[in-house]
Amino acid sequence: MTELDTPAPAEQFFSAETRAALAEASQKLAERLLAHTDALLAMTGDEDNAELFEHNAALEGVVEDWNEAVFEHTGTTPLLLDDSDDDEDEEDVEPDQVISVVSRFDLRVVDLDALLEAGRAAQERHPAELDESGEREPVDSAEQAIYEISREVGEAWFELPGIEMVAGARAYVVPEPPFEPLDADAEDVVTELIAPNGVATHAETWA
């Protein structure tokens, strides 16, 4: 039995009017249920489904009236009836579309000094968060320089100073079940950089 979260004043329920209404609704439910059962027992399976749907709809309406009458009398609803409006709303909501873009670029360092200089300049223009010591991460490696430049201008694989591209590839995948979303908080992010299960709709390669 489902009870009200906040009971209304007692005088609102168990009145002579609600008692009479419940008795009438119960009588109609009993009569409709017996008639419904007789109709079903008389069927052989050769009837038009429309007749069965009519019987079901008639019984459903009487059940809802009875459930409402119980609520009006006691403040509780004994039957948890489905809300067809809610079902329709849920059906109308389209699921979110997800597209996974997976890429990899292999780069060759041909001028480390030029790359480091560009990386330090990018860090000055767009400083990242300070480390635990309160200082910026020093740009003293090729990967740190590429990281700083990419933070500023995005994927600049074709324009990185002192770098030539060995090869690159990017795939656009529409995931299919079973689909495991990328875990941005994973301890080993490298293991997350793989194409998910799904259909690759587009692909690009560079060499």
N, C-alpha and C. Protein backbone atom coordinates (compact mmCIF):
# COMPACT_ATOMS: atom_id res chain seq x y z
N MET A 1 0.85 -1.18 0.00
CA MET A 1 0.00 0.00 0.00
C MET A 1 0.89 1.23 0.00
N THR A 2 0.51 2.20 -0.83
CA THR A 2 1.27 3.44 -0.91
C THR A 2 0.59 4.51 -0.08
N GLU A 3 1.28 5.03 0.90
CA GLU A 3 0.70 6.04 1.76
C GLU A 3 1.16 7.43 1.34
N LEU A 4 0.39 8.41 1.74
CA LEU A 4 0.75 9.79 1.45
C LEU A 4 2.02 10.17 2.19
N ASP A 5 2.88 10.94 1.53
CA ASP A 5 4.09 11.41 2.20
C ASP A 5 3.72 12.38 3.33
N THR A 6 2.74 13.24 3.08
CA THR A 6 2.30 14.20 4.09
C THR A 6 0.80 14.02 4.30
N PRO A 7 0.37 13.28 5.30
CA PRO A 7 -1.05 13.01 5.50
C PRO A 7 -1.84 14.30 5.64
N ALA A 8 -3.00 14.32 5.01
CA ALA A 8 -3.88 15.48 5.13
C ALA A 8 -4.62 15.39 6.45
N PRO A 9 -5.28 16.46 6.85
CA PRO A 9 -6.05 16.42 8.10
C PRO A 9 -7.04 15.27 8.09
N ALA A 10 -7.21 14.64 9.24
CA ALA A 10 -8.05 13.45 9.33
C ALA A 10 -9.48 13.72 8.90
N GLU A 11 -9.98 14.95 9.14
CA GLU A 11 -11.37 15.23 8.80
C GLU A 11 -11.61 15.23 7.30
N GLN A 12 -10.53 15.27 6.50
CA GLN A 12 -10.70 15.26 5.05
C GLN A 12 -11.10 13.88 4.57
N PHE A 13 -10.78 12.85 5.33
CA PHE A 13 -11.04 11.47 4.94
C PHE A 13 -12.11 10.85 5.83
N PHE A 14 -12.52 9.63 5.39
CA PHE A 14 -13.45 8.81 6.16
C PHE A 14 -14.76 9.56 6.45
N SER A 15 -15.21 10.34 5.48
CA SER A 15 -16.48 11.04 5.63
C SER A 15 -17.61 10.19 5.08
N ALA A 16 -18.83 10.61 5.33
CA ALA A 16 -19.99 9.88 4.81
C ALA A 16 -19.98 9.90 3.28
N GLU A 17 -19.56 11.04 2.70
CA GLU A 17 -19.54 11.16 1.24
C GLU A 17 -18.51 10.22 0.62
N THR A 18 -17.29 10.20 1.19
CA THR A 18 -16.25 9.34 0.62
C THR A 18 -16.57 7.88 0.84
N ARG A 19 -17.27 7.56 1.96
CA ARG A 19 -17.66 6.18 2.23
C ARG A 19 -18.67 5.70 1.19
N ALA A 20 -19.64 6.54 0.86
CA ALA A 20 -20.66 6.19 -0.12
C ALA A 20 -20.03 6.05 -1.51
N ALA A 21 -19.11 6.97 -1.83
CA ALA A 21 -18.47 6.92 -3.14
C ALA A 21 -17.62 5.66 -3.29
N LEU A 22 -16.94 5.25 -2.23
CA LEU A 22 -16.13 4.05 -2.29
C LEU A 22 -17.00 2.81 -2.44
N ALA A 23 -18.11 2.77 -1.72
CA ALA A 23 -19.02 1.63 -1.84
C ALA A 23 -19.54 1.50 -3.26
N GLU A 24 -19.89 2.63 -3.87
CA GLU A 24 -20.40 2.60 -5.24
C GLU A 24 -19.32 2.16 -6.22
N ALA A 25 -18.09 2.70 -6.03
CA ALA A 25 -17.00 2.32 -6.92
C ALA A 25 -16.65 0.85 -6.79
N SER A 26 -16.72 0.32 -5.57
CA SER A 26 -16.42 -1.09 -5.35
C SER A 26 -17.48 -1.98 -6.00
N GLN A 27 -18.75 -1.55 -5.94
CA GLN A 27 -19.82 -2.31 -6.57
C GLN A 27 -19.62 -2.37 -8.08
N LYS A 28 -19.29 -1.22 -8.67
CA LYS A 28 -19.06 -1.17 -10.11
C LYS A 28 -17.85 -2.01 -10.51
N LEU A 29 -16.82 -1.99 -9.67
CA LEU A 29 -15.63 -2.78 -9.96
C LEU A 29 -15.95 -4.27 -9.93
N ALA A 30 -16.72 -4.70 -8.93
CA ALA A 30 -17.08 -6.12 -8.83
C ALA A 30 -17.90 -6.55 -10.03
N GLU A 31 -18.86 -5.73 -10.42
CA GLU A 31 -19.70 -6.08 -11.56
C GLU A 31 -18.89 -6.10 -12.85
N ARG A 32 -18.02 -5.11 -13.02
CA ARG A 32 -17.22 -5.04 -14.23
C ARG A 32 -16.23 -6.20 -14.31
N LEU A 33 -15.67 -6.57 -13.16
CA LEU A 33 -14.71 -7.67 -13.13
C LEU A 33 -15.37 -8.99 -13.50
N LEU A 34 -16.57 -9.22 -12.98
CA LEU A 34 -17.29 -10.45 -13.33
C LEU A 34 -17.65 -10.47 -14.81
N ALA A 35 -18.13 -9.33 -15.32
CA ALA A 35 -18.48 -9.26 -16.73
C ALA A 35 -17.25 -9.45 -17.61
N HIS A 36 -16.15 -8.88 -17.19
CA HIS A 36 -14.89 -9.00 -17.93
C HIS A 36 -14.45 -10.46 -17.96
N THR A 37 -14.53 -11.12 -16.81
CA THR A 37 -14.13 -12.53 -16.74
C THR A 37 -15.01 -13.40 -17.62
N ASP A 38 -16.33 -13.18 -17.58
CA ASP A 38 -17.26 -13.95 -18.42
C ASP A 38 -16.93 -13.77 -19.90
N ALA A 39 -16.61 -12.52 -20.27
CA ALA A 39 -16.30 -12.25 -21.68
C ALA A 39 -15.02 -12.97 -22.10
N LEU A 40 -14.03 -12.95 -21.24
CA LEU A 40 -12.77 -13.63 -21.57
C LEU A 40 -12.94 -15.13 -21.66
N LEU A 41 -13.72 -15.71 -20.74
CA LEU A 41 -13.93 -17.15 -20.75
C LEU A 41 -14.70 -17.60 -21.98
N ALA A 42 -15.51 -16.71 -22.52
CA ALA A 42 -16.31 -17.07 -23.69
C ALA A 42 -15.50 -16.97 -24.99
N MET A 43 -14.35 -16.35 -24.94
CA MET A 43 -13.55 -16.19 -26.14
C MET A 43 -12.83 -17.48 -26.51
N THR A 44 -12.65 -17.69 -27.80
CA THR A 44 -11.98 -18.89 -28.30
C THR A 44 -10.64 -18.57 -28.96
N GLY A 45 -10.37 -17.29 -29.17
CA GLY A 45 -9.15 -16.89 -29.85
C GLY A 45 -9.38 -16.49 -31.29
N ASP A 46 -10.61 -16.72 -31.78
CA ASP A 46 -10.94 -16.36 -33.16
C ASP A 46 -11.53 -14.96 -33.28
N GLU A 47 -11.76 -14.34 -32.13
CA GLU A 47 -12.39 -13.02 -32.15
C GLU A 47 -11.41 -11.95 -32.62
N ASP A 48 -11.98 -10.83 -33.03
CA ASP A 48 -11.18 -9.65 -33.39
C ASP A 48 -10.54 -9.09 -32.13
N ASN A 49 -9.27 -8.74 -32.22
CA ASN A 49 -8.57 -8.20 -31.05
C ASN A 49 -9.21 -6.93 -30.54
N ALA A 50 -9.89 -6.21 -31.40
CA ALA A 50 -10.52 -4.95 -30.99
C ALA A 50 -11.51 -5.19 -29.86
N GLU A 51 -12.21 -6.32 -29.90
CA GLU A 51 -13.18 -6.64 -28.85
C GLU A 51 -12.47 -6.84 -27.51
N LEU A 52 -11.35 -7.53 -27.55
CA LEU A 52 -10.58 -7.76 -26.32
C LEU A 52 -10.06 -6.44 -25.77
N PHE A 53 -9.58 -5.57 -26.63
CA PHE A 53 -9.06 -4.27 -26.18
C PHE A 53 -10.16 -3.44 -25.53
N GLU A 54 -11.38 -3.54 -26.07
CA GLU A 54 -12.50 -2.79 -25.51
C GLU A 54 -12.81 -3.26 -24.09
N HIS A 55 -12.81 -4.58 -23.90
CA HIS A 55 -13.05 -5.13 -22.56
C HIS A 55 -11.97 -4.69 -21.58
N ASN A 56 -10.72 -4.75 -22.04
CA ASN A 56 -9.61 -4.36 -21.17
C ASN A 56 -9.68 -2.88 -20.78
N ALA A 57 -10.01 -2.04 -21.77
CA ALA A 57 -10.10 -0.61 -21.51
C ALA A 57 -11.22 -0.30 -20.52
N ALA A 58 -12.36 -1.00 -20.66
CA ALA A 58 -13.48 -0.77 -19.76
C ALA A 58 -13.11 -1.14 -18.33
N LEU A 59 -12.41 -2.26 -18.17
CA LEU A 59 -12.00 -2.67 -16.83
C LEU A 59 -10.96 -1.71 -16.26
N GLU A 60 -10.05 -1.25 -17.09
CA GLU A 60 -9.02 -0.33 -16.62
C GLU A 60 -9.63 0.95 -16.07
N GLY A 61 -10.65 1.47 -16.78
CA GLY A 61 -11.29 2.70 -16.31
C GLY A 61 -11.96 2.53 -14.97
N VAL A 62 -12.63 1.38 -14.75
CA VAL A 62 -13.31 1.13 -13.48
C VAL A 62 -12.29 0.96 -12.36
N VAL A 63 -11.18 0.29 -12.65
CA VAL A 63 -10.13 0.11 -11.64
C VAL A 63 -9.56 1.45 -11.22
N GLU A 64 -9.33 2.34 -12.18
CA GLU A 64 -8.80 3.66 -11.84
C GLU A 64 -9.78 4.44 -10.97
N ASP A 65 -11.07 4.33 -11.30
CA ASP A 65 -12.09 5.02 -10.50
C ASP A 65 -12.11 4.49 -9.07
N TRP A 66 -11.98 3.17 -8.94
CA TRP A 66 -11.99 2.56 -7.59
C TRP A 66 -10.76 2.98 -6.81
N ASN A 67 -9.61 2.98 -7.47
CA ASN A 67 -8.37 3.38 -6.82
C ASN A 67 -8.46 4.83 -6.32
N GLU A 68 -9.08 5.68 -7.14
CA GLU A 68 -9.25 7.07 -6.76
C GLU A 68 -10.22 7.20 -5.58
N ALA A 69 -11.28 6.38 -5.59
CA ALA A 69 -12.25 6.42 -4.50
C ALA A 69 -11.61 5.99 -3.18
N VAL A 70 -10.72 5.01 -3.23
CA VAL A 70 -10.01 4.59 -2.02
C VAL A 70 -9.14 5.72 -1.50
N PHE A 71 -8.48 6.42 -2.42
CA PHE A 71 -7.64 7.53 -2.02
C PHE A 71 -8.47 8.65 -1.37
N GLU A 72 -9.59 8.96 -2.00
CA GLU A 72 -10.43 10.03 -1.45
C GLU A 72 -10.95 9.68 -0.06
N HIS A 73 -11.12 8.38 0.23
CA HIS A 73 -11.66 7.96 1.52
C HIS A 73 -10.58 7.79 2.58
N THR A 74 -9.40 7.27 2.17
CA THR A 74 -8.38 6.92 3.16
C THR A 74 -7.08 7.72 3.04
N GLY A 75 -6.87 8.39 1.90
CA GLY A 75 -5.60 9.09 1.70
C GLY A 75 -4.49 8.17 1.24
N THR A 76 -4.85 6.94 0.86
CA THR A 76 -3.86 5.99 0.35
C THR A 76 -4.34 5.43 -0.97
N THR A 77 -3.39 4.94 -1.78
CA THR A 77 -3.75 4.29 -3.05
C THR A 77 -3.24 2.85 -2.99
N PRO A 78 -4.13 1.87 -3.00
CA PRO A 78 -3.71 0.47 -2.90
C PRO A 78 -3.03 -0.05 -4.16
N LEU A 79 -3.31 0.55 -5.31
CA LEU A 79 -2.73 0.07 -6.56
C LEU A 79 -1.81 1.13 -7.15
N LEU A 80 -0.60 0.73 -7.52
CA LEU A 80 0.34 1.64 -8.18
C LEU A 80 0.13 1.50 -9.68
N LEU A 81 -0.73 2.32 -10.22
CA LEU A 81 -1.08 2.25 -11.63
C LEU A 81 -0.07 3.03 -12.47
N ASP A 82 0.23 2.50 -13.65
CA ASP A 82 1.17 3.18 -14.55
C ASP A 82 0.55 4.46 -15.06
N ASP A 83 1.39 5.49 -15.19
CA ASP A 83 0.96 6.77 -15.75
C ASP A 83 1.32 6.77 -17.23
N SER A 84 0.29 6.63 -18.08
CA SER A 84 0.54 6.53 -19.51
C SER A 84 1.18 7.79 -20.05
N ASP A 85 0.86 8.95 -19.49
CA ASP A 85 1.46 10.20 -19.95
C ASP A 85 2.96 10.20 -19.73
N ASP A 86 3.37 9.69 -18.54
CA ASP A 86 4.81 9.62 -18.26
C ASP A 86 5.50 8.68 -19.22
N ASP A 87 4.83 7.55 -19.55
CA ASP A 87 5.41 6.59 -20.48
C ASP A 87 5.61 7.24 -21.85
N GLU A 88 4.62 8.03 -22.30
CA GLU A 88 4.74 8.67 -23.59
C GLU A 88 5.88 9.67 -23.59
N ASP A 89 6.03 10.42 -22.47
CA ASP A 89 7.11 11.39 -22.38
C ASP A 89 8.46 10.71 -22.46
N GLU A 90 8.58 9.55 -21.78
CA GLU A 90 9.85 8.83 -21.79
C GLU A 90 10.17 8.33 -23.19
N GLU A 91 9.14 7.89 -23.93
CA GLU A 91 9.37 7.38 -25.27
C GLU A 91 9.78 8.50 -26.22
N ASP A 92 9.31 9.72 -25.94
CA ASP A 92 9.63 10.84 -26.82
C ASP A 92 11.05 11.35 -26.64
N VAL A 93 11.67 11.01 -25.51
CA VAL A 93 13.03 11.50 -25.23
C VAL A 93 14.04 10.64 -25.99
N GLU A 94 14.78 11.28 -26.87
CA GLU A 94 15.78 10.56 -27.64
C GLU A 94 17.05 10.41 -26.82
N PRO A 95 17.69 9.24 -26.91
CA PRO A 95 18.93 9.05 -26.16
C PRO A 95 20.02 9.95 -26.69
N ASP A 96 20.96 10.31 -25.83
CA ASP A 96 22.09 11.15 -26.24
C ASP A 96 22.92 10.43 -27.29
N GLN A 97 23.32 11.16 -28.31
CA GLN A 97 24.19 10.59 -29.33
C GLN A 97 25.64 10.78 -28.90
N VAL A 98 26.40 9.73 -28.97
CA VAL A 98 27.81 9.77 -28.57
C VAL A 98 28.68 9.44 -29.77
N ILE A 99 29.70 10.22 -29.99
CA ILE A 99 30.69 9.97 -31.03
C ILE A 99 32.08 10.01 -30.38
N SER A 100 32.85 8.98 -30.59
CA SER A 100 34.20 8.92 -30.02
C SER A 100 35.21 9.27 -31.12
N VAL A 101 36.08 10.22 -30.82
CA VAL A 101 37.14 10.59 -31.76
C VAL A 101 38.47 10.16 -31.15
N VAL A 102 39.14 9.25 -31.84
CA VAL A 102 40.39 8.69 -31.33
C VAL A 102 41.51 9.06 -32.31
N SER A 103 42.62 9.59 -31.79
CA SER A 103 43.70 10.00 -32.68
C SER A 103 45.06 9.64 -32.10
N ARG A 104 46.02 9.56 -33.00
CA ARG A 104 47.42 9.32 -32.60
C ARG A 104 48.33 10.01 -33.60
N PHE A 105 49.39 10.66 -33.08
CA PHE A 105 50.35 11.32 -33.94
C PHE A 105 51.76 10.97 -33.45
N ASP A 106 52.57 10.45 -34.34
CA ASP A 106 53.97 10.16 -34.04
C ASP A 106 54.82 11.29 -34.61
N LEU A 107 55.61 11.92 -33.75
CA LEU A 107 56.37 13.11 -34.14
C LEU A 107 57.87 12.88 -33.96
N ARG A 108 58.65 13.44 -34.87
CA ARG A 108 60.12 13.34 -34.78
C ARG A 108 60.68 14.72 -34.45
N VAL A 109 61.53 14.79 -33.42
CA VAL A 109 62.16 16.05 -33.03
C VAL A 109 63.39 16.27 -33.91
N VAL A 110 63.40 17.38 -34.64
CA VAL A 110 64.54 17.70 -35.53
C VAL A 110 65.29 18.93 -35.05
N ASP A 111 64.64 19.75 -34.19
CA ASP A 111 65.31 20.93 -33.65
C ASP A 111 64.77 21.16 -32.24
N LEU A 112 65.44 20.54 -31.27
CA LEU A 112 64.95 20.61 -29.89
C LEU A 112 64.97 22.03 -29.35
N ASP A 113 66.00 22.79 -29.66
CA ASP A 113 66.09 24.16 -29.14
C ASP A 113 64.91 25.01 -29.60
N ALA A 114 64.57 24.92 -30.87
CA ALA A 114 63.45 25.69 -31.40
C ALA A 114 62.14 25.27 -30.74
N LEU A 115 62.01 23.99 -30.51
CA LEU A 115 60.78 23.47 -29.88
C LEU A 115 60.67 23.96 -28.44
N LEU A 116 61.79 23.89 -27.69
CA LEU A 116 61.76 24.33 -26.29
C LEU A 116 61.47 25.83 -26.19
N GLU A 117 62.03 26.60 -27.07
CA GLU A 117 61.80 28.04 -27.06
C GLU A 117 60.32 28.35 -27.30
N ALA A 118 59.72 27.65 -28.26
CA ALA A 118 58.30 27.86 -28.55
C ALA A 118 57.44 27.40 -27.38
N GLY A 119 57.84 26.31 -26.73
CA GLY A 119 57.09 25.81 -25.59
C GLY A 119 57.12 26.76 -24.40
N ARG A 120 58.28 27.34 -24.14
CA ARG A 120 58.40 28.29 -23.03
C ARG A 120 57.61 29.58 -23.30
N ALA A 121 57.62 30.01 -24.55
CA ALA A 121 56.85 31.20 -24.91
C ALA A 121 55.36 30.95 -24.75
N ALA A 122 54.91 29.75 -25.12
CA ALA A 122 53.50 29.40 -24.98
C ALA A 122 53.11 29.34 -23.51
N GLN A 123 54.00 28.83 -22.67
CA GLN A 123 53.71 28.76 -21.24
C GLN A 123 53.60 30.14 -20.64
N GLU A 124 54.43 31.08 -21.10
CA GLU A 124 54.37 32.45 -20.60
C GLU A 124 53.04 33.10 -20.96
N ARG A 125 52.57 32.84 -22.17
CA ARG A 125 51.32 33.45 -22.61
C ARG A 125 50.10 32.80 -21.98
N HIS A 126 50.17 31.49 -21.75
CA HIS A 126 49.04 30.76 -21.17
C HIS A 126 49.56 29.83 -20.06
N PRO A 127 49.91 30.40 -18.91
CA PRO A 127 50.48 29.58 -17.83
C PRO A 127 49.49 28.55 -17.31
N ALA A 128 49.99 27.34 -17.08
CA ALA A 128 49.16 26.28 -16.49
C ALA A 128 49.13 26.46 -14.98
N GLU A 129 48.38 25.59 -14.30
CA GLU A 129 48.33 25.66 -12.85
C GLU A 129 49.71 25.36 -12.27
N LEU A 130 50.02 26.01 -11.15
CA LEU A 130 51.30 25.80 -10.50
C LEU A 130 51.35 24.41 -9.87
N ASP A 131 52.56 23.84 -9.77
CA ASP A 131 52.69 22.54 -9.13
C ASP A 131 52.68 22.70 -7.61
N GLU A 132 52.93 21.64 -6.86
CA GLU A 132 52.86 21.67 -5.40
C GLU A 132 53.85 22.66 -4.80
N SER A 133 54.93 22.91 -5.48
CA SER A 133 55.95 23.82 -4.95
C SER A 133 55.59 25.28 -5.22
N GLY A 134 54.50 25.50 -5.97
CA GLY A 134 54.12 26.87 -6.30
C GLY A 134 54.83 27.41 -7.51
N GLU A 135 55.48 26.54 -8.27
CA GLU A 135 56.21 26.96 -9.46
C GLU A 135 55.65 26.25 -10.69
N ARG A 136 55.93 26.82 -11.85
CA ARG A 136 55.49 26.21 -13.09
C ARG A 136 56.40 25.03 -13.45
N GLU A 137 55.82 24.07 -14.15
CA GLU A 137 56.60 22.93 -14.63
C GLU A 137 57.63 23.45 -15.64
N PRO A 138 58.90 23.20 -15.43
CA PRO A 138 59.90 23.71 -16.37
C PRO A 138 59.78 23.06 -17.75
N VAL A 139 59.93 23.88 -18.78
CA VAL A 139 59.85 23.36 -20.14
C VAL A 139 61.27 22.97 -20.57
N ASP A 140 61.64 21.75 -20.22
CA ASP A 140 63.00 21.30 -20.53
C ASP A 140 63.00 19.97 -21.27
N SER A 141 61.85 19.58 -21.85
CA SER A 141 61.78 18.35 -22.63
C SER A 141 60.86 18.59 -23.82
N ALA A 142 61.02 17.77 -24.83
CA ALA A 142 60.20 17.92 -26.04
C ALA A 142 58.72 17.72 -25.73
N GLU A 143 58.41 16.70 -24.92
CA GLU A 143 57.00 16.43 -24.62
C GLU A 143 56.36 17.55 -23.82
N GLN A 144 57.14 18.18 -22.89
CA GLN A 144 56.60 19.29 -22.12
C GLN A 144 56.35 20.50 -23.03
N ALA A 145 57.24 20.73 -23.97
CA ALA A 145 57.08 21.84 -24.90
C ALA A 145 55.85 21.62 -25.79
N ILE A 146 55.68 20.41 -26.30
CA ILE A 146 54.51 20.11 -27.14
C ILE A 146 53.23 20.27 -26.33
N TYR A 147 53.27 19.85 -25.07
CA TYR A 147 52.10 19.99 -24.18
C TYR A 147 51.73 21.45 -24.02
N GLU A 148 52.71 22.32 -23.75
CA GLU A 148 52.44 23.74 -23.54
C GLU A 148 51.90 24.39 -24.81
N ILE A 149 52.46 24.05 -25.95
CA ILE A 149 52.00 24.63 -27.21
C ILE A 149 50.58 24.16 -27.51
N SER A 150 50.30 22.90 -27.28
CA SER A 150 48.97 22.36 -27.55
C SER A 150 47.93 22.97 -26.63
N ARG A 151 48.31 23.28 -25.39
CA ARG A 151 47.38 23.94 -24.47
C ARG A 151 46.96 25.30 -25.01
N GLU A 152 47.87 25.94 -25.71
CA GLU A 152 47.59 27.30 -26.20
C GLU A 152 46.82 27.30 -27.52
N VAL A 153 47.22 26.46 -28.46
CA VAL A 153 46.64 26.55 -29.81
C VAL A 153 45.89 25.30 -30.23
N GLY A 154 45.79 24.30 -29.38
CA GLY A 154 45.10 23.08 -29.78
C GLY A 154 46.04 22.11 -30.48
N GLU A 155 45.49 21.30 -31.38
CA GLU A 155 46.29 20.28 -32.06
C GLU A 155 47.09 20.92 -33.20
N ALA A 156 48.31 21.31 -32.85
CA ALA A 156 49.17 22.00 -33.83
C ALA A 156 50.23 21.05 -34.39
N TRP A 157 49.83 19.81 -34.68
CA TRP A 157 50.81 18.80 -35.06
C TRP A 157 51.57 19.17 -36.34
N PHE A 158 50.93 19.93 -37.21
CA PHE A 158 51.56 20.26 -38.49
C PHE A 158 52.40 21.54 -38.42
N GLU A 159 52.35 22.24 -37.30
CA GLU A 159 53.01 23.55 -37.22
C GLU A 159 53.93 23.65 -36.01
N LEU A 160 54.30 22.57 -35.40
CA LEU A 160 55.17 22.61 -34.23
C LEU A 160 56.61 22.93 -34.66
N PRO A 161 57.20 23.96 -34.07
CA PRO A 161 58.60 24.30 -34.41
C PRO A 161 59.53 23.15 -34.04
N GLY A 162 60.48 22.85 -34.95
CA GLY A 162 61.47 21.82 -34.67
C GLY A 162 60.92 20.41 -34.70
N ILE A 163 59.72 20.22 -35.28
CA ILE A 163 59.09 18.90 -35.32
C ILE A 163 58.67 18.57 -36.74
N GLU A 164 58.86 17.32 -37.13
CA GLU A 164 58.26 16.84 -38.37
C GLU A 164 57.40 15.61 -38.03
N MET A 165 56.28 15.48 -38.72
CA MET A 165 55.38 14.39 -38.43
C MET A 165 55.85 13.10 -39.11
N VAL A 166 55.92 12.03 -38.32
CA VAL A 166 56.23 10.72 -38.88
C VAL A 166 54.95 10.11 -39.45
N ALA A 167 53.88 10.14 -38.68
CA ALA A 167 52.59 9.62 -39.14
C ALA A 167 51.51 10.08 -38.18
N GLY A 168 50.29 10.14 -38.66
CA GLY A 168 49.16 10.52 -37.82
C GLY A 168 47.90 9.83 -38.31
N ALA A 169 46.97 9.62 -37.39
CA ALA A 169 45.71 8.99 -37.76
C ALA A 169 44.62 9.44 -36.80
N ARG A 170 43.39 9.57 -37.34
CA ARG A 170 42.24 9.93 -36.51
C ARG A 170 41.03 9.16 -37.02
N ALA A 171 40.27 8.60 -36.09
CA ALA A 171 39.08 7.84 -36.44
C ALA A 171 37.88 8.38 -35.68
N TYR A 172 36.72 8.41 -36.35
CA TYR A 172 35.46 8.84 -35.75
C TYR A 172 34.58 7.60 -35.61
N VAL A 173 34.23 7.28 -34.37
CA VAL A 173 33.54 6.01 -34.09
C VAL A 173 32.20 6.28 -33.42
N VAL A 174 31.15 5.65 -33.94
CA VAL A 174 29.83 5.66 -33.29
C VAL A 174 29.76 4.42 -32.40
N PRO A 175 29.81 4.59 -31.08
CA PRO A 175 29.88 3.43 -30.18
C PRO A 175 28.62 2.57 -30.25
N GLU A 176 28.83 1.28 -29.99
CA GLU A 176 27.74 0.32 -29.90
C GLU A 176 27.92 -0.49 -28.62
N PRO A 177 26.83 -1.03 -28.07
CA PRO A 177 26.94 -1.86 -26.87
C PRO A 177 27.79 -3.10 -27.15
N PRO A 178 28.58 -3.54 -26.20
CA PRO A 178 28.82 -2.90 -24.90
C PRO A 178 29.79 -1.72 -25.05
N PHE A 179 29.39 -0.56 -24.51
CA PHE A 179 30.18 0.66 -24.65
C PHE A 179 30.65 1.13 -23.29
N GLU A 180 31.96 1.25 -23.12
CA GLU A 180 32.54 1.75 -21.88
C GLU A 180 33.03 3.18 -22.12
N PRO A 181 32.36 4.18 -21.55
CA PRO A 181 32.79 5.57 -21.76
C PRO A 181 34.21 5.79 -21.26
N LEU A 182 34.88 6.74 -21.87
CA LEU A 182 36.24 7.08 -21.45
C LEU A 182 36.22 7.58 -20.01
N ASP A 183 37.12 7.06 -19.20
CA ASP A 183 37.24 7.46 -17.81
C ASP A 183 38.34 8.51 -17.69
N ALA A 184 37.93 9.78 -17.64
CA ALA A 184 38.92 10.86 -17.58
C ALA A 184 39.71 10.85 -16.29
N ASP A 185 39.23 10.14 -15.26
CA ASP A 185 39.92 10.09 -13.98
C ASP A 185 40.72 8.80 -13.79
N ALA A 186 40.86 8.03 -14.85
CA ALA A 186 41.59 6.76 -14.74
C ALA A 186 43.04 7.01 -14.37
N GLU A 187 43.59 6.11 -13.56
CA GLU A 187 44.98 6.25 -13.16
C GLU A 187 45.92 6.10 -14.36
N ASP A 188 45.58 5.19 -15.27
CA ASP A 188 46.38 4.98 -16.46
C ASP A 188 45.57 5.46 -17.67
N VAL A 189 45.73 6.73 -18.01
CA VAL A 189 44.96 7.32 -19.11
C VAL A 189 45.29 6.65 -20.44
N VAL A 190 46.52 6.16 -20.58
CA VAL A 190 46.94 5.56 -21.85
C VAL A 190 46.03 4.40 -22.23
N THR A 191 45.59 3.63 -21.24
CA THR A 191 44.74 2.49 -21.53
C THR A 191 43.35 2.92 -22.01
N GLU A 192 43.00 4.19 -21.78
CA GLU A 192 41.70 4.70 -22.22
C GLU A 192 41.75 5.18 -23.67
N LEU A 193 42.95 5.35 -24.22
CA LEU A 193 43.09 5.91 -25.57
C LEU A 193 43.02 4.83 -26.63
N ILE A 194 41.92 4.11 -26.65
CA ILE A 194 41.67 3.10 -27.68
C ILE A 194 40.27 3.32 -28.22
N ALA A 195 40.05 2.90 -29.46
CA ALA A 195 38.73 3.07 -30.06
C ALA A 195 37.73 2.16 -29.36
N PRO A 196 36.56 2.67 -29.01
CA PRO A 196 35.55 1.84 -28.35
C PRO A 196 34.89 0.90 -29.35
N ASN A 197 34.14 -0.04 -28.83
CA ASN A 197 33.37 -0.94 -29.69
C ASN A 197 32.34 -0.12 -30.46
N GLY A 198 32.32 -0.26 -31.79
CA GLY A 198 31.38 0.51 -32.57
C GLY A 198 31.74 0.54 -34.04
N VAL A 199 31.15 1.48 -34.76
CA VAL A 199 31.35 1.59 -36.21
C VAL A 199 32.16 2.84 -36.51
N ALA A 200 33.28 2.66 -37.20
CA ALA A 200 34.10 3.80 -37.62
C ALA A 200 33.47 4.42 -38.86
N THR A 201 33.00 5.65 -38.75
CA THR A 201 32.31 6.30 -39.88
C THR A 201 33.27 7.08 -40.76
N HIS A 202 34.32 7.63 -40.19
CA HIS A 202 35.30 8.40 -40.97
C HIS A 202 36.70 8.14 -40.41
N ALA A 203 37.69 8.30 -41.26
CA ALA A 203 39.08 8.12 -40.81
C ALA A 203 39.97 9.04 -41.63
N GLU A 204 41.01 9.55 -40.96
CA GLU A 204 42.01 10.41 -41.62
C GLU A 204 43.39 9.89 -41.27
N THR A 205 44.29 9.95 -42.22
CA THR A 205 45.68 9.55 -41.95
C THR A 205 46.63 10.55 -42.58
N TRP A 206 47.79 10.69 -41.96
CA TRP A 206 48.84 11.57 -42.48
C TRP A 206 50.17 10.84 -42.38
N ALA A 207 51.02 11.09 -43.34
CA ALA A 207 52.34 10.47 -43.33
C ALA A 207 53.32 11.37 -44.07
